[in-house]
């Protein structure tokens, strides 16, 4: 029974990794490609590590759990940095963005929301 579960996890993980790679090739812009590079690849790796951990002694499975934790913690951070670098170098078509929060940060006109339109209670 363990072999069947492990096989399903390994095949599912491989499928997610392949779908992420296809997304990287087929999606049109940088934000979409970043999404394809992080979400399915991370899930695919977690499934592969889980399937492998079922076949190993528990002492080795702990090491795989640390690899999984490291991947879950670093993938969003790397995606954020790559997205900012793409934005700053002009690789992102800004006309396709629905909300451009980095423009306000770059220009120094950060709008906190509390400052705009709210009157002070004593006024």
PDB file of N, CA and C in Angstrom:
ATOM      1  N   UNK A   1       0.822  -1.196   0.000  1.00  0.00           N
ATOM      2  CA  UNK A   1       0.000   0.000   0.000  1.00  0.00           C
ATOM      3  C   UNK A   1       0.874   1.272   0.000  1.00  0.00           C
ATOM      4  N   UNK A   2       1.978   1.228   0.710  1.00  0.00           N
ATOM      5  CA  UNK A   2       2.890   2.366   0.757  1.00  0.00           C
ATOM      6  C   UNK A   2       3.475   2.648  -0.625  1.00  0.00           C
ATOM      7  N   UNK A   3       3.753   1.586  -1.367  1.00  0.00           N
ATOM      8  CA  UNK A   3       4.305   1.771  -2.715  1.00  0.00           C
ATOM      9  C   UNK A   3       3.313   2.461  -3.642  1.00  0.00           C
ATOM     10  N   UNK A   4       2.034   2.137  -3.502  1.00  0.00           N
ATOM     11  CA  UNK A   4       1.016   2.752  -4.353  1.00  0.00           C
ATOM     12  C   UNK A   4       0.878   4.239  -4.022  1.00  0.00           C
ATOM     13  N   UNK A   5       0.810   4.557  -2.740  1.00  0.00           N
ATOM     14  CA  UNK A   5       0.694   5.968  -2.332  1.00  0.00           C
ATOM     15  C   UNK A   5       1.932   6.746  -2.767  1.00  0.00           C
ATOM     16  N   UNK A   6       3.086   6.158  -2.581  1.00  0.00           N
ATOM     17  CA  UNK A   6       4.325   6.806  -2.983  1.00  0.00           C
ATOM     18  C   UNK A   6       4.360   7.043  -4.492  1.00  0.00           C
ATOM     19  N   UNK A   7       3.931   6.062  -5.251  1.00  0.00           N
ATOM     20  CA  UNK A   7       3.907   6.202  -6.714  1.00  0.00           C
ATOM     21  C   UNK A   7       2.959   7.305  -7.156  1.00  0.00           C
ATOM     22  N   UNK A   8       1.796   7.373  -6.525  1.00  0.00           N
ATOM     23  CA  UNK A   8       0.827   8.421  -6.877  1.00  0.00           C
ATOM     24  C   UNK A   8       1.404   9.802  -6.545  1.00  0.00           C
ATOM     25  N   UNK A   9       2.046   9.934  -5.395  1.00  0.00           N
ATOM     26  CA  UNK A   9       2.645  11.215  -5.020  1.00  0.00           C
ATOM     27  C   UNK A   9       3.768  11.606  -5.980  1.00  0.00           C
ATOM     28  N   UNK A  10       4.612  10.648  -6.335  1.00  0.00           N
ATOM     29  CA  UNK A  10       5.717  10.938  -7.248  1.00  0.00           C
ATOM     30  C   UNK A  10       5.210  11.332  -8.634  1.00  0.00           C
ATOM     31  N   UNK A  11       4.233  10.594  -9.138  1.00  0.00           N
ATOM     32  CA  UNK A  11       3.679  10.922 -10.461  1.00  0.00           C
ATOM     33  C   UNK A  11       2.931  12.253 -10.438  1.00  0.00           C
ATOM     34  N   UNK A  12       2.190  12.520  -9.366  1.00  0.00           N
ATOM     35  CA  UNK A  12       1.501  13.806  -9.239  1.00  0.00           C
ATOM     36  C   UNK A  12       2.488  14.961  -9.170  1.00  0.00           C
ATOM     37  N   UNK A  13       3.573  14.782  -8.418  1.00  0.00           N
ATOM     38  CA  UNK A  13       4.594  15.813  -8.331  1.00  0.00           C
ATOM     39  C   UNK A  13       5.265  16.070  -9.669  1.00  0.00           C
ATOM     40  N   UNK A  14       5.552  14.979 -10.396  1.00  0.00           N
ATOM     41  CA  UNK A  14       6.155  15.137 -11.720  1.00  0.00           C
ATOM     42  C   UNK A  14       5.202  15.855 -12.669  1.00  0.00           C
ATOM     43  N   UNK A  15       3.917  15.558 -12.569  1.00  0.00           N
ATOM     44  CA  UNK A  15       2.925  16.223 -13.421  1.00  0.00           C
ATOM     45  C   UNK A  15       2.865  17.722 -13.133  1.00  0.00           C
ATOM     46  N   UNK A  16       2.874  18.082 -11.855  1.00  0.00           N
ATOM     47  CA  UNK A  16       2.856  19.509 -11.515  1.00  0.00           C
ATOM     48  C   UNK A  16       4.119  20.214 -12.005  1.00  0.00           C
ATOM     49  N   UNK A  17       5.264  19.559 -11.895  1.00  0.00           N
ATOM     50  CA  UNK A  17       6.512  20.165 -12.381  1.00  0.00           C
ATOM     51  C   UNK A  17       6.481  20.365 -13.893  1.00  0.00           C
ATOM     52  N   UNK A  18       5.942  19.391 -14.618  1.00  0.00           N
ATOM     53  CA  UNK A  18       5.839  19.520 -16.073  1.00  0.00           C
ATOM     54  C   UNK A  18       4.868  20.639 -16.436  1.00  0.00           C
ATOM     55  N   UNK A  19       3.734  20.707 -15.733  1.00  0.00           N
ATOM     56  CA  UNK A  19       2.768  21.784 -16.012  1.00  0.00           C
ATOM     57  C   UNK A  19       3.361  23.157 -15.716  1.00  0.00           C
ATOM     58  N   UNK A  20       4.154  23.268 -14.654  1.00  0.00           N
ATOM     59  CA  UNK A  20       4.831  24.536 -14.363  1.00  0.00           C
ATOM     60  C   UNK A  20       5.821  24.912 -15.449  1.00  0.00           C
ATOM     61  N   UNK A  21       6.550  23.929 -15.956  1.00  0.00           N
ATOM     62  CA  UNK A  21       7.507  24.196 -17.036  1.00  0.00           C
ATOM     63  C   UNK A  21       6.781  24.609 -18.309  1.00  0.00           C
ATOM     64  N   UNK A  22       5.663  23.970 -18.614  1.00  0.00           N
ATOM     65  CA  UNK A  22       4.874  24.372 -19.787  1.00  0.00           C
ATOM     66  C   UNK A  22       4.325  25.783 -19.618  1.00  0.00           C
ATOM     67  N   UNK A  23       3.916  26.118 -18.402  1.00  0.00           N
ATOM     68  CA  UNK A  23       3.443  27.469 -18.134  1.00  0.00           C
ATOM     69  C   UNK A  23       4.532  28.507 -18.343  1.00  0.00           C
ATOM     70  N   UNK A  24       5.748  28.160 -17.954  1.00  0.00           N
ATOM     71  CA  UNK A  24       6.871  29.078 -18.175  1.00  0.00           C
ATOM     72  C   UNK A  24       7.105  29.317 -19.661  1.00  0.00           C
ATOM     73  N   UNK A  25       6.889  28.301 -20.465  1.00  0.00           N
ATOM     74  CA  UNK A  25       7.106  28.439 -21.908  1.00  0.00           C
ATOM     75  C   UNK A  25       5.941  29.133 -22.608  1.00  0.00           C
ATOM     76  N   UNK A  26       4.719  28.891 -22.157  1.00  0.00           N
ATOM     77  CA  UNK A  26       3.544  29.317 -22.908  1.00  0.00           C
ATOM     78  C   UNK A  26       2.916  30.628 -22.434  1.00  0.00           C
ATOM     79  N   UNK A  27       3.102  31.002 -21.187  1.00  0.00           N
ATOM     80  CA  UNK A  27       2.436  32.197 -20.675  1.00  0.00           C
ATOM     81  C   UNK A  27       3.097  33.457 -21.237  1.00  0.00           C
ATOM     82  N   UNK A  28       2.296  34.526 -21.435  1.00  0.00           N
ATOM     83  CA  UNK A  28       2.767  35.664 -22.221  1.00  0.00           C
ATOM     84  C   UNK A  28       3.667  36.669 -21.507  1.00  0.00           C
ATOM     85  N   UNK A  29       3.509  36.872 -20.207  1.00  0.00           N
ATOM     86  CA  UNK A  29       4.244  37.961 -19.574  1.00  0.00           C
ATOM     87  C   UNK A  29       4.960  37.492 -18.309  1.00  0.00           C
ATOM     88  N   UNK A  30       5.780  38.376 -17.779  1.00  0.00           N
ATOM     89  CA  UNK A  30       6.637  38.032 -16.642  1.00  0.00           C
ATOM     90  C   UNK A  30       5.838  37.670 -15.392  1.00  0.00           C
ATOM     91  N   UNK A  31       4.811  38.432 -14.990  1.00  0.00           N
ATOM     92  CA  UNK A  31       4.073  38.028 -13.780  1.00  0.00           C
ATOM     93  C   UNK A  31       3.423  36.649 -13.908  1.00  0.00           C
ATOM     94  N   UNK A  32       2.907  36.335 -15.072  1.00  0.00           N
ATOM     95  CA  UNK A  32       2.305  35.016 -15.279  1.00  0.00           C
ATOM     96  C   UNK A  32       3.358  33.924 -15.222  1.00  0.00           C
ATOM     97  N   UNK A  33       4.503  34.183 -15.786  1.00  0.00           N
ATOM     98  CA  UNK A  33       5.583  33.196 -15.758  1.00  0.00           C
ATOM     99  C   UNK A  33       6.125  32.997 -14.348  1.00  0.00           C
ATOM    100  N   UNK A  34       6.181  34.066 -13.573  1.00  0.00           N
ATOM    101  CA  UNK A  34       6.599  33.924 -12.177  1.00  0.00           C
ATOM    102  C   UNK A  34       5.615  33.055 -11.405  1.00  0.00           C
ATOM    103  N   UNK A  35       4.336  33.226 -11.690  1.00  0.00           N
ATOM    104  CA  UNK A  35       3.311  32.398 -11.058  1.00  0.00           C
ATOM    105  C   UNK A  35       3.521  30.932 -11.423  1.00  0.00           C
ATOM    106  N   UNK A  36       3.785  30.668 -12.698  1.00  0.00           N
ATOM    107  CA  UNK A  36       4.007  29.296 -13.157  1.00  0.00           C
ATOM    108  C   UNK A  36       5.305  28.726 -12.605  1.00  0.00           C
ATOM    109  N   UNK A  37       6.265  29.587 -12.328  1.00  0.00           N
ATOM    110  CA  UNK A  37       7.549  29.102 -11.830  1.00  0.00           C
ATOM    111  C   UNK A  37       7.497  28.769 -10.346  1.00  0.00           C
ATOM    112  N   UNK A  38       6.598  29.385  -9.602  1.00  0.00           N
ATOM    113  CA  UNK A  38       6.606  29.175  -8.154  1.00  0.00           C
ATOM    114  C   UNK A  38       5.521  28.221  -7.663  1.00  0.00           C
ATOM    115  N   UNK A  39       4.291  28.450  -8.036  1.00  0.00           N
ATOM    116  CA  UNK A  39       3.196  27.666  -7.443  1.00  0.00           C
ATOM    117  C   UNK A  39       3.234  26.187  -7.814  1.00  0.00           C
ATOM    118  N   UNK A  40       3.131  25.823  -9.091  1.00  0.00           N
ATOM    119  CA  UNK A  40       3.116  24.386  -9.397  1.00  0.00           C
ATOM    120  C   UNK A  40       4.462  23.710  -9.139  1.00  0.00           C
ATOM    121  N   UNK A  41       5.556  24.437  -9.296  1.00  0.00           N
ATOM    122  CA  UNK A  41       6.860  23.833  -9.043  1.00  0.00           C
ATOM    123  C   UNK A  41       7.022  23.501  -7.562  1.00  0.00           C
ATOM    124  N   UNK A  42       6.565  24.397  -6.695  1.00  0.00           N
ATOM    125  CA  UNK A  42       6.662  24.142  -5.260  1.00  0.00           C
ATOM    126  C   UNK A  42       5.784  22.967  -4.863  1.00  0.00           C
ATOM    127  N   UNK A  43       4.553  22.952  -5.341  1.00  0.00           N
ATOM    128  CA  UNK A  43       3.664  21.838  -5.029  1.00  0.00           C
ATOM    129  C   UNK A  43       4.214  20.535  -5.593  1.00  0.00           C
ATOM    130  N   UNK A  44       4.745  20.575  -6.802  1.00  0.00           N
ATOM    131  CA  UNK A  44       5.332  19.379  -7.394  1.00  0.00           C
ATOM    132  C   UNK A  44       6.496  18.853  -6.574  1.00  0.00           C
ATOM    133  N   UNK A  45       7.364  19.757  -6.125  1.00  0.00           N
ATOM    134  CA  UNK A  45       8.495  19.329  -5.308  1.00  0.00           C
ATOM    135  C   UNK A  45       8.021  18.749  -3.982  1.00  0.00           C
ATOM    136  N   UNK A  46       7.016  19.367  -3.365  1.00  0.00           N
ATOM    137  CA  UNK A  46       6.500  18.840  -2.097  1.00  0.00           C
ATOM    138  C   UNK A  46       5.908  17.447  -2.272  1.00  0.00           C
ATOM    139  N   UNK A  47       5.204  17.224  -3.372  1.00  0.00           N
ATOM    140  CA  UNK A  47       4.654  15.889  -3.627  1.00  0.00           C
ATOM    141  C   UNK A  47       5.764  14.871  -3.869  1.00  0.00           C
ATOM    142  N   UNK A  48       6.778  15.257  -4.619  1.00  0.00           N
ATOM    143  CA  UNK A  48       7.903  14.348  -4.877  1.00  0.00           C
ATOM    144  C   UNK A  48       8.650  14.038  -3.576  1.00  0.00           C
ATOM    145  N   UNK A  49       8.869  15.040  -2.757  1.00  0.00           N
ATOM    146  CA  UNK A  49       9.547  14.801  -1.484  1.00  0.00           C
ATOM    147  C   UNK A  49       8.710  13.915  -0.569  1.00  0.00           C
ATOM    148  N   UNK A  50       7.390  14.106  -0.575  1.00  0.00           N
ATOM    149  CA  UNK A  50       6.512  13.269   0.247  1.00  0.00           C
ATOM    150  C   UNK A  50       6.540  11.822  -0.229  1.00  0.00           C
ATOM    151  N   UNK A  51       6.463  11.630  -1.532  1.00  0.00           N
ATOM    152  CA  UNK A  51       6.524  10.280  -2.074  1.00  0.00           C
ATOM    153  C   UNK A  51       7.851   9.606  -1.793  1.00  0.00           C
ATOM    154  N   UNK A  52       8.928  10.370  -1.834  1.00  0.00           N
ATOM    155  CA  UNK A  52      10.245   9.819  -1.533  1.00  0.00           C
ATOM    156  C   UNK A  52      10.376   9.512  -0.043  1.00  0.00           C
ATOM    157  N   UNK A  53       9.835  10.387   0.804  1.00  0.00           N
ATOM    158  CA  UNK A  53       9.928  10.192   2.252  1.00  0.00           C
ATOM    159  C   UNK A  53       9.212   8.915   2.691  1.00  0.00           C
ATOM    160  N   UNK A  54       8.164   8.530   1.986  1.00  0.00           N
ATOM    161  CA  UNK A  54       7.469   7.293   2.337  1.00  0.00           C
ATOM    162  C   UNK A  54       8.332   6.055   2.102  1.00  0.00           C
ATOM    163  N   UNK A  55       9.279   6.148   1.211  1.00  0.00           N
ATOM    164  CA  UNK A  55      10.131   5.011   0.872  1.00  0.00           C
ATOM    165  C   UNK A  55      11.421   4.960   1.702  1.00  0.00           C
ATOM    166  N   UNK A  56      11.703   5.991   2.459  1.00  0.00           N
ATOM    167  CA  UNK A  56      12.959   6.080   3.207  1.00  0.00           C
ATOM    168  C   UNK A  56      12.737   5.862   4.701  1.00  0.00           C
ATOM    169  N   UNK A  57      13.815   5.539   5.416  1.00  0.00           N
ATOM    170  CA  UNK A  57      13.714   5.495   6.883  1.00  0.00           C
ATOM    171  C   UNK A  57      13.417   6.890   7.444  1.00  0.00           C
ATOM    172  N   UNK A  58      12.783   6.946   8.616  1.00  0.00           N
ATOM    173  CA  UNK A  58      12.399   8.252   9.188  1.00  0.00           C
ATOM    174  C   UNK A  58      13.550   9.236   9.371  1.00  0.00           C
ATOM    175  N   UNK A  59      14.752   8.764   9.620  1.00  0.00           N
ATOM    176  CA  UNK A  59      15.870   9.704   9.819  1.00  0.00           C
ATOM    177  C   UNK A  59      16.179  10.476   8.539  1.00  0.00           C
ATOM    178  N   UNK A  60      16.013   9.854   7.384  1.00  0.00           N
ATOM    179  CA  UNK A  60      16.208  10.552   6.111  1.00  0.00           C
ATOM    180  C   UNK A  60      14.999  11.427   5.759  1.00  0.00           C
ATOM    181  N   UNK A  61      13.835  11.008   6.178  1.00  0.00           N
ATOM    182  CA  UNK A  61      12.624  11.782   5.899  1.00  0.00           C
ATOM    183  C   UNK A  61      12.658  13.144   6.581  1.00  0.00           C
ATOM    184  N   UNK A  62      13.326  13.245   7.714  1.00  0.00           N
ATOM    185  CA  UNK A  62      13.462  14.530   8.407  1.00  0.00           C
ATOM    186  C   UNK A  62      14.260  15.501   7.549  1.00  0.00           C
ATOM    187  N   UNK A  63      15.287  15.017   6.904  1.00  0.00           N
ATOM    188  CA  UNK A  63      16.068  15.867   5.996  1.00  0.00           C
ATOM    189  C   UNK A  63      15.239  16.358   4.826  1.00  0.00           C
ATOM    190  N   UNK A  64      14.377  15.478   4.305  1.00  0.00           N
ATOM    191  CA  UNK A  64      13.495  15.893   3.213  1.00  0.00           C
ATOM    192  C   UNK A  64      12.479  16.925   3.681  1.00  0.00           C
ATOM    193  N   UNK A  65      12.043  16.815   4.932  1.00  0.00           N
ATOM    194  CA  UNK A  65      11.115  17.812   5.481  1.00  0.00           C
ATOM    195  C   UNK A  65      11.790  19.175   5.573  1.00  0.00           C
ATOM    196  N   UNK A  66      13.068  19.194   5.894  1.00  0.00           N
ATOM    197  CA  UNK A  66      13.799  20.468   5.934  1.00  0.00           C
ATOM    198  C   UNK A  66      13.945  21.070   4.541  1.00  0.00           C
ATOM    199  N   UNK A  67      14.169  20.221   3.546  1.00  0.00           N
ATOM    200  CA  UNK A  67      14.226  20.705   2.164  1.00  0.00           C
ATOM    201  C   UNK A  67      12.881  21.312   1.768  1.00  0.00           C
ATOM    202  N   UNK A  68      11.793  20.646   2.134  1.00  0.00           N
ATOM    203  CA  UNK A  68      10.453  21.147   1.815  1.00  0.00           C
ATOM    204  C   UNK A  68      10.199  22.488   2.500  1.00  0.00           C
ATOM    205  N   UNK A  69      10.571  22.594   3.753  1.00  0.00           N
ATOM    206  CA  UNK A  69      10.390  23.849   4.485  1.00  0.00           C
ATOM    207  C   UNK A  69      11.193  24.975   3.844  1.00  0.00           C
ATOM    208  N   UNK A  70      12.425  24.697   3.477  1.00  0.00           N
ATOM    209  CA  UNK A  70      13.264  25.700   2.828  1.00  0.00           C
ATOM    210  C   UNK A  70      12.645  26.161   1.505  1.00  0.00           C
ATOM    211  N   UNK A  71      12.097  25.230   0.736  1.00  0.00           N
ATOM    212  CA  UNK A  71      11.472  25.574  -0.539  1.00  0.00           C
ATOM    213  C   UNK A  71      10.233  26.448  -0.323  1.00  0.00           C
ATOM    214  N   UNK A  72       9.416  26.100   0.648  1.00  0.00           N
ATOM    215  CA  UNK A  72       8.190  26.862   0.907  1.00  0.00           C
ATOM    216  C   UNK A  72       8.520  28.276   1.392  1.00  0.00           C
ATOM    217  N   UNK A  73       9.611  28.420   2.133  1.00  0.00           N
ATOM    218  CA  UNK A  73       9.979  29.744   2.644  1.00  0.00           C
ATOM    219  C   UNK A  73      10.677  30.616   1.606  1.00  0.00           C
ATOM    220  N   UNK A  74      11.439  30.023   0.708  1.00  0.00           N
ATOM    221  CA  UNK A  74      12.234  30.833  -0.211  1.00  0.00           C
ATOM    222  C   UNK A  74      11.557  31.121  -1.548  1.00  0.00           C
ATOM    223  N   UNK A  75      10.680  30.272  -2.017  1.00  0.00           N
ATOM    224  CA  UNK A  75      10.064  30.473  -3.335  1.00  0.00           C
ATOM    225  C   UNK A  75       9.284  31.792  -3.425  1.00  0.00           C
ATOM    226  N   UNK A  76       8.448  32.152  -2.454  1.00  0.00           N
ATOM    227  CA  UNK A  76       7.739  33.441  -2.566  1.00  0.00           C
ATOM    228  C   UNK A  76       8.677  34.642  -2.518  1.00  0.00           C
ATOM    229  N   UNK A  77       9.728  34.555  -1.716  1.00  0.00           N
ATOM    230  CA  UNK A  77      10.673  35.671  -1.600  1.00  0.00           C
ATOM    231  C   UNK A  77      11.419  35.865  -2.920  1.00  0.00           C
ATOM    232  N   UNK A  78      11.885  34.773  -3.498  1.00  0.00           N
ATOM    233  CA  UNK A  78      12.583  34.872  -4.774  1.00  0.00           C
ATOM    234  C   UNK A  78      11.668  35.397  -5.870  1.00  0.00           C
ATOM    235  N   UNK A  79      10.434  34.956  -5.865  1.00  0.00           N
ATOM    236  CA  UNK A  79       9.470  35.433  -6.860  1.00  0.00           C
ATOM    237  C   UNK A  79       9.245  36.937  -6.710  1.00  0.00           C
ATOM    238  N   UNK A  80       9.162  37.400  -5.482  1.00  0.00           N
ATOM    239  CA  UNK A  80       8.976  38.839  -5.231  1.00  0.00           C
ATOM    240  C   UNK A  80      10.169  39.639  -5.746  1.00  0.00           C
ATOM    241  N   UNK A  81      11.379  39.168  -5.462  1.00  0.00           N
ATOM    242  CA  UNK A  81      12.578  39.868  -5.924  1.00  0.00           C
ATOM    243  C   UNK A  81      12.684  39.858  -7.444  1.00  0.00           C
ATOM    244  N   UNK A  82      12.373  38.733  -8.066  1.00  0.00           N
ATOM    245  CA  UNK A  82      12.425  38.671  -9.529  1.00  0.00           C
ATOM    246  C   UNK A  82      11.371  39.573 -10.161  1.00  0.00           C
ATOM    247  N   UNK A  83      10.192  39.636  -9.562  1.00  0.00           N
ATOM    248  CA  UNK A  83       9.148  40.527 -10.068  1.00  0.00           C
ATOM    249  C   UNK A  83       9.547  41.989  -9.964  1.00  0.00           C
ATOM    250  N   UNK A  84      10.145  42.365  -8.851  1.00  0.00           N
ATOM    251  CA  UNK A  84      10.610  43.754  -8.698  1.00  0.00           C
ATOM    252  C   UNK A  84      11.725  44.083  -9.671  1.00  0.00           C
ATOM    253  N   UNK A  85      12.635  43.145  -9.870  1.00  0.00           N
ATOM    254  CA  UNK A  85      13.727  43.375 -10.818  1.00  0.00           C
ATOM    255  C   UNK A  85      13.181  43.514 -12.236  1.00  0.00           C
ATOM    256  N   UNK A  86      12.200  42.696 -12.583  1.00  0.00           N
ATOM    257  CA  UNK A  86      11.593  42.794 -13.911  1.00  0.00           C
ATOM    258  C   UNK A  86      10.869  44.128 -14.068  1.00  0.00           C
ATOM    259  N   UNK A  87      10.214  44.579 -13.019  1.00  0.00           N
ATOM    260  CA  UNK A  87       9.509  45.858 -13.062  1.00  0.00           C
ATOM    261  C   UNK A  87      10.499  47.009 -13.259  1.00  0.00           C
ATOM    262  N   UNK A  88      11.577  46.992 -12.501  1.00  0.00           N
ATOM    263  CA  UNK A  88      12.555  48.086 -12.562  1.00  0.00           C
ATOM    264  C   UNK A  88      13.322  48.130 -13.867  1.00  0.00           C
ATOM    265  N   UNK A  89      13.526  46.978 -14.493  1.00  0.00           N
ATOM    266  CA  UNK A  89      14.268  46.951 -15.756  1.00  0.00           C
ATOM    267  C   UNK A  89      13.360  47.156 -16.961  1.00  0.00           C
ATOM    268  N   UNK A  90      12.065  47.260 -16.741  1.00  0.00           N
ATOM    269  CA  UNK A  90      11.141  47.500 -17.837  1.00  0.00           C
ATOM    270  C   UNK A  90      10.688  46.248 -18.570  1.00  0.00           C
ATOM    271  N   UNK A  91      10.911  45.090 -17.987  1.00  0.00           N
ATOM    272  CA  UNK A  91      10.492  43.847 -18.632  1.00  0.00           C
ATOM    273  C   UNK A  91       8.993  43.599 -18.501  1.00  0.00           C
ATOM    274  N   UNK A  92       8.325  44.353 -17.642  1.00  0.00           N
ATOM    275  CA  UNK A  92       6.877  44.217 -17.454  1.00  0.00           C
ATOM    276  C   UNK A  92       6.174  45.340 -18.191  1.00  0.00           C
ATOM    277  N   UNK A  93       5.172  44.976 -18.979  1.00  0.00           N
ATOM    278  CA  UNK A  93       4.348  45.962 -19.678  1.00  0.00           C
ATOM    279  C   UNK A  93       3.392  46.585 -18.658  1.00  0.00           C
ATOM    280  N   UNK A  94       3.659  47.804 -18.273  1.00  0.00           N
ATOM    281  CA  UNK A  94       2.895  48.444 -17.212  1.00  0.00           C
ATOM    282  C   UNK A  94       1.442  48.719 -17.595  1.00  0.00           C
ATOM    283  N   UNK A  95       1.129  48.715 -18.886  1.00  0.00           N
ATOM    284  CA  UNK A  95      -0.265  48.939 -19.298  1.00  0.00           C
ATOM    285  C   UNK A  95      -1.145  47.739 -18.972  1.00  0.00           C
ATOM    286  N   UNK A  96      -0.559  46.570 -18.722  1.00  0.00           N
ATOM    287  CA  UNK A  96      -1.350  45.380 -18.396  1.00  0.00           C
ATOM    288  C   UNK A  96      -1.602  45.234 -16.903  1.00  0.00           C
ATOM    289  N   UNK A  97      -0.983  46.081 -16.081  1.00  0.00           N
ATOM    290  CA  UNK A  97      -1.156  45.986 -14.640  1.00  0.00           C
ATOM    291  C   UNK A  97      -2.475  46.612 -14.221  1.00  0.00           C
ATOM    292  N   UNK A  98      -3.205  45.924 -13.366  1.00  0.00           N
ATOM    293  CA  UNK A  98      -4.452  46.478 -12.834  1.00  0.00           C
ATOM    294  C   UNK A  98      -4.184  47.475 -11.720  1.00  0.00           C
ATOM    295  N   UNK A  99      -3.167  47.215 -10.929  1.00  0.00           N
ATOM    296  CA  UNK A  99      -2.805  48.079  -9.812  1.00  0.00           C
ATOM    297  C   UNK A  99      -1.290  48.171  -9.772  1.00  0.00           C
ATOM    298  N   UNK A 100      -0.756  49.363  -9.836  1.00  0.00           N
ATOM    299  CA  UNK A 100       0.688  49.564  -9.875  1.00  0.00           C
ATOM    300  C   UNK A 100       1.162  50.141  -8.544  1.00  0.00           C
ATOM    301  N   UNK A 101       1.299  49.287  -7.533  1.00  0.00           N
ATOM    302  CA  UNK A 101       1.735  49.731  -6.215  1.00  0.00           C
ATOM    303  C   UNK A 101       3.209  50.127  -6.188  1.00  0.00           C
ATOM    304  N   UNK A 102       4.013  49.534  -7.026  1.00  0.00           N
ATOM    305  CA  UNK A 102       5.435  49.865  -7.024  1.00  0.00           C
ATOM    306  C   UNK A 102       5.708  51.261  -7.570  1.00  0.00           C
ATOM    307  N   UNK A 103       4.817  51.784  -8.402  1.00  0.00           N
ATOM    308  CA  UNK A 103       5.010  53.133  -8.921  1.00  0.00           C
ATOM    309  C   UNK A 103       4.955  54.151  -7.782  1.00  0.00           C
ATOM    310  N   UNK A 104       4.011  53.958  -6.873  1.00  0.00           N
ATOM    311  CA  UNK A 104       3.891  54.866  -5.734  1.00  0.00           C
ATOM    312  C   UNK A 104       5.114  54.765  -4.831  1.00  0.00           C
ATOM    313  N   UNK A 105       5.632  53.570  -4.646  1.00  0.00           N
ATOM    314  CA  UNK A 105       6.824  53.393  -3.812  1.00  0.00           C
ATOM    315  C   UNK A 105       8.032  54.014  -4.497  1.00  0.00           C
ATOM    316  N   UNK A 106       8.140  53.801  -5.803  1.00  0.00           N
ATOM    317  CA  UNK A 106       9.279  54.341  -6.551  1.00  0.00           C
ATOM    318  C   UNK A 106       9.246  55.862  -6.588  1.00  0.00           C
ATOM    319  N   UNK A 107       8.077  56.444  -6.754  1.00  0.00           N
ATOM    320  CA  UNK A 107       7.956  57.897  -6.838  1.00  0.00           C
ATOM    321  C   UNK A 107       7.990  58.570  -5.469  1.00  0.00           C
ATOM    322  N   UNK A 108       7.868  57.799  -4.416  1.00  0.00           N
ATOM    323  CA  UNK A 108       7.886  58.375  -3.076  1.00  0.00           C
ATOM    324  C   UNK A 108       6.553  58.952  -2.650  1.00  0.00           C
ATOM    325  N   UNK A 109       5.496  58.664  -3.369  1.00  0.00           N
ATOM    326  CA  UNK A 109       4.175  59.192  -3.015  1.00  0.00           C
ATOM    327  C   UNK A 109       3.317  58.066  -2.482  1.00  0.00           C
ATOM    328  N   UNK A 110       3.772  57.428  -1.452  1.00  0.00           N
ATOM    329  CA  UNK A 110       3.059  56.305  -0.844  1.00  0.00           C
ATOM    330  C   UNK A 110       1.790  56.819  -0.186  1.00  0.00           C
ATOM    331  N   UNK A 111       0.633  56.285  -0.592  1.00  0.00           N
ATOM    332  CA  UNK A 111      -0.670  56.683  -0.047  1.00  0.00           C
ATOM    333  C   UNK A 111      -1.108  55.630   0.935  1.00  0.00           C
ATOM    334  N   UNK A 112      -1.177  55.981   2.202  1.00  0.00           N
ATOM    335  CA  UNK A 112      -1.524  55.002   3.233  1.00  0.00           C
ATOM    336  C   UNK A 112      -3.014  54.768   3.334  1.00  0.00           C
ATOM    337  N   UNK A 113      -3.840  55.586   2.720  1.00  0.00           N
ATOM    338  CA  UNK A 113      -5.276  55.399   2.793  1.00  0.00           C
ATOM    339  C   UNK A 113      -5.885  56.156   3.959  1.00  0.00           C
ATOM    340  N   UNK A 114      -5.195  56.244   5.074  1.00  0.00           N
ATOM    341  CA  UNK A 114      -5.716  56.954   6.238  1.00  0.00           C
ATOM    342  C   UNK A 114      -5.599  58.462   6.064  1.00  0.00           C
ATOM    343  N   UNK A 115      -4.634  58.884   5.240  1.00  0.00           N
ATOM    344  CA  UNK A 115      -4.420  60.315   5.069  1.00  0.00           C
ATOM    345  C   UNK A 115      -5.407  60.921   4.090  1.00  0.00           C
ATOM    346  N   UNK A 116      -5.907  60.143   3.156  1.00  0.00           N
ATOM    347  CA  UNK A 116      -6.733  60.712   2.090  1.00  0.00           C
ATOM    348  C   UNK A 116      -8.199  60.723   2.498  1.00  0.00           C
ATOM    349  N   UNK A 117      -8.764  61.895   2.599  1.00  0.00           N
ATOM    350  CA  UNK A 117     -10.196  62.043   2.779  1.00  0.00           C
ATOM    351  C   UNK A 117     -10.699  61.881   4.193  1.00  0.00           C
ATOM    352  N   UNK A 118      -9.860  61.655   5.145  1.00  0.00           N
ATOM    353  CA  UNK A 118     -10.354  61.484   6.510  1.00  0.00           C
ATOM    354  C   UNK A 118     -10.089  62.771   7.290  1.00  0.00           C
ATOM    355  N   UNK A 119     -11.122  63.246   7.910  1.00  0.00           N
ATOM    356  CA  UNK A 119     -10.998  64.455   8.708  1.00  0.00           C
ATOM    357  C   UNK A 119     -10.635  64.091  10.135  1.00  0.00           C
ATOM    358  N   UNK A 120      -9.920  64.968  10.791  1.00  0.00           N
ATOM    359  CA  UNK A 120      -9.581  64.707  12.179  1.00  0.00           C
ATOM    360  C   UNK A 120     -10.807  64.891  13.059  1.00  0.00           C
ATOM    361  N   UNK A 121     -10.907  64.149  14.148  1.00  0.00           N
ATOM    362  CA  UNK A 121     -12.096  64.227  14.988  1.00  0.00           C
ATOM    363  C   UNK A 121     -12.314  65.592  15.623  1.00  0.00           C
ATOM    364  N   UNK A 122     -11.261  66.354  15.816  1.00  0.00           N
ATOM    365  CA  UNK A 122     -11.407  67.652  16.474  1.00  0.00           C
ATOM    366  C   UNK A 122     -11.749  68.783  15.497  1.00  0.00           C
ATOM    367  N   UNK A 123     -11.791  68.513  14.194  1.00  0.00           N
ATOM    368  CA  UNK A 123     -12.005  69.577  13.228  1.00  0.00           C
ATOM    369  C   UNK A 123     -13.439  69.851  12.950  1.00  0.00           C
TER     370      UNK A 123
END
